Amino acid sequence: MCTGLVQKAKVTGAGKSAEGWFKLDEVSVMYDCTYHTSMPQGVNIDFLNEKEGPGARVAVELTPKSAMELVHAIMESLYSAGIDPGEAALGLAPAAAAAPIVARPA
């Protein structure tokens, strides 16, 4: 049964669509019916910028296990960069971690 229960949060970041990069300002997360996977329900995550229209959206559907793996990977990434996730959640973490800067290929 689909739940339609949505948790929303404001975010600051960027997403990439077929048209290129765009600013993100919101994320919606829900445990609900999936439409593009073989599982009946999963964790659906939509990163978006409503002001830029439907093309400014990055959506994923994950199994609950995969969603927890994602949470774990995010936490480990913050810890390994010297950022306390609790401080980051409160806005107390530095805006840019003291991690080495790695050039990206063009």
Protein backbone atom coordinates (compact mmCIF):
# COMPACT_ATOMS: atom_id res chain seq x y z
CA MET A 1 0.00 0.00 0.00
CA CYS A 2 1.38 3.42 -0.96
CA THR A 3 1.79 5.77 1.98
CA GLY A 4 2.34 9.18 0.42
CA LEU A 5 4.11 10.29 3.63
CA VAL A 6 6.78 12.82 2.71
CA GLN A 7 9.59 14.36 4.77
CA LYS A 8 11.01 17.58 3.30
CA ALA A 9 14.15 19.52 4.06
CA LYS A 10 15.87 22.61 2.71
CA VAL A 11 19.27 21.85 1.22
CA THR A 12 22.10 23.77 -0.40
CA GLY A 13 23.85 22.01 -3.23
CA ALA A 14 23.77 21.19 -6.92
CA GLY A 15 22.38 18.41 -9.09
CA LYS A 16 23.05 17.38 -12.66
CA SER A 17 20.42 16.70 -15.29
CA ALA A 18 20.70 16.07 -19.02
CA GLU A 19 20.76 19.86 -19.48
CA GLY A 20 23.64 20.37 -17.02
CA TRP A 21 24.12 21.45 -13.42
CA PHE A 22 21.47 23.32 -11.44
CA LYS A 23 21.13 24.58 -7.86
CA LEU A 24 19.28 22.40 -5.36
CA ASP A 25 17.22 23.92 -2.58
CA GLU A 26 14.96 21.10 -1.39
CA VAL A 27 14.88 17.36 -0.83
CA SER A 28 11.83 15.15 -0.36
CA VAL A 29 12.23 11.70 1.19
CA MET A 30 9.49 9.12 1.52
CA TYR A 31 8.94 5.42 2.09
CA ASP A 32 6.38 4.75 -0.59
CA CYS A 33 5.50 2.80 -3.72
CA THR A 34 8.26 2.65 -6.32
CA TYR A 35 7.67 3.06 -10.03
CA HIS A 36 10.96 2.17 -11.69
CA THR A 37 12.21 -0.82 -9.69
CA SER A 38 10.98 -4.36 -9.15
CA MET A 39 10.28 -3.79 -5.45
CA PRO A 40 6.78 -2.77 -4.36
CA GLN A 41 7.99 -0.13 -1.88
CA GLY A 42 11.22 1.67 -1.17
CA VAL A 43 12.84 4.90 -0.08
CA ASN A 44 12.24 7.54 -2.73
CA ILE A 45 14.49 10.61 -2.68
CA ASP A 46 13.90 13.69 -4.83
CA PHE A 47 16.43 16.49 -4.89
CA LEU A 48 14.93 19.52 -6.61
CA ASN A 49 14.65 23.21 -7.30
CA GLU A 50 10.96 23.93 -7.94
CA LYS A 51 11.71 27.44 -9.21
CA GLU A 52 13.66 25.95 -12.15
CA GLY A 53 10.89 23.55 -13.20
CA PRO A 54 10.63 19.77 -13.68
CA GLY A 55 14.05 19.50 -15.36
CA ALA A 56 15.72 20.60 -12.12
CA ARG A 57 15.15 17.31 -10.32
CA VAL A 58 17.26 14.30 -9.41
CA ALA A 59 15.24 11.32 -8.21
CA VAL A 60 16.29 7.91 -6.85
CA GLU A 61 14.42 4.86 -5.59
CA LEU A 62 16.30 2.67 -3.11
CA THR A 63 15.63 -0.46 -1.12
CA PRO A 64 15.53 0.24 2.63
CA LYS A 65 18.88 -1.56 2.97
CA SER A 66 20.42 0.59 0.23
CA ALA A 67 19.04 3.74 1.87
CA MET A 68 20.75 2.76 5.14
CA GLU A 69 23.99 2.08 3.25
CA LEU A 70 23.71 5.60 1.81
CA VAL A 71 23.20 7.08 5.30
CA HIS A 72 26.22 5.12 6.54
CA ALA A 73 28.37 6.30 3.60
CA ILE A 74 27.41 9.94 4.21
CA MET A 75 28.24 9.67 7.92
CA GLU A 76 31.59 7.99 7.20
CA SER A 77 32.41 10.62 4.58
CA LEU A 78 31.81 13.42 7.08
CA TYR A 79 33.77 11.68 9.83
CA SER A 80 36.72 10.96 7.54
CA ALA A 81 36.81 14.65 6.55
CA GLY A 82 36.98 15.64 10.23
CA ILE A 83 33.38 16.90 10.34
CA ASP A 84 31.15 15.91 13.23
CA PRO A 85 27.75 15.02 11.67
CA GLY A 86 25.96 16.34 14.76
CA GLU A 87 27.68 19.72 14.42
CA ALA A 88 26.97 19.72 10.69
CA ALA A 89 23.26 19.13 11.39
CA LEU A 90 23.26 22.18 13.66
CA GLY A 91 25.14 24.31 11.12
CA LEU A 92 28.24 24.40 13.35
CA ALA A 93 30.58 22.49 11.04
CA PRO A 94 32.97 24.47 8.84
CA ALA A 95 31.55 25.31 5.40
CA ALA A 96 34.59 23.76 3.75
CA ALA A 97 36.34 20.84 5.39
CA ALA A 98 40.09 20.85 5.71
CA ALA A 99 40.33 17.97 3.24
CA PRO A 100 42.85 18.10 0.38
CA ILE A 101 41.61 19.68 -2.83
CA VAL A 102 41.57 17.20 -5.70
CA ALA A 103 41.32 18.49 -9.25
CA ARG A 104 38.51 16.96 -11.27
CA PRO A 105 39.08 15.96 -14.88
CA ALA A 106 37.30 18.23 -17.36
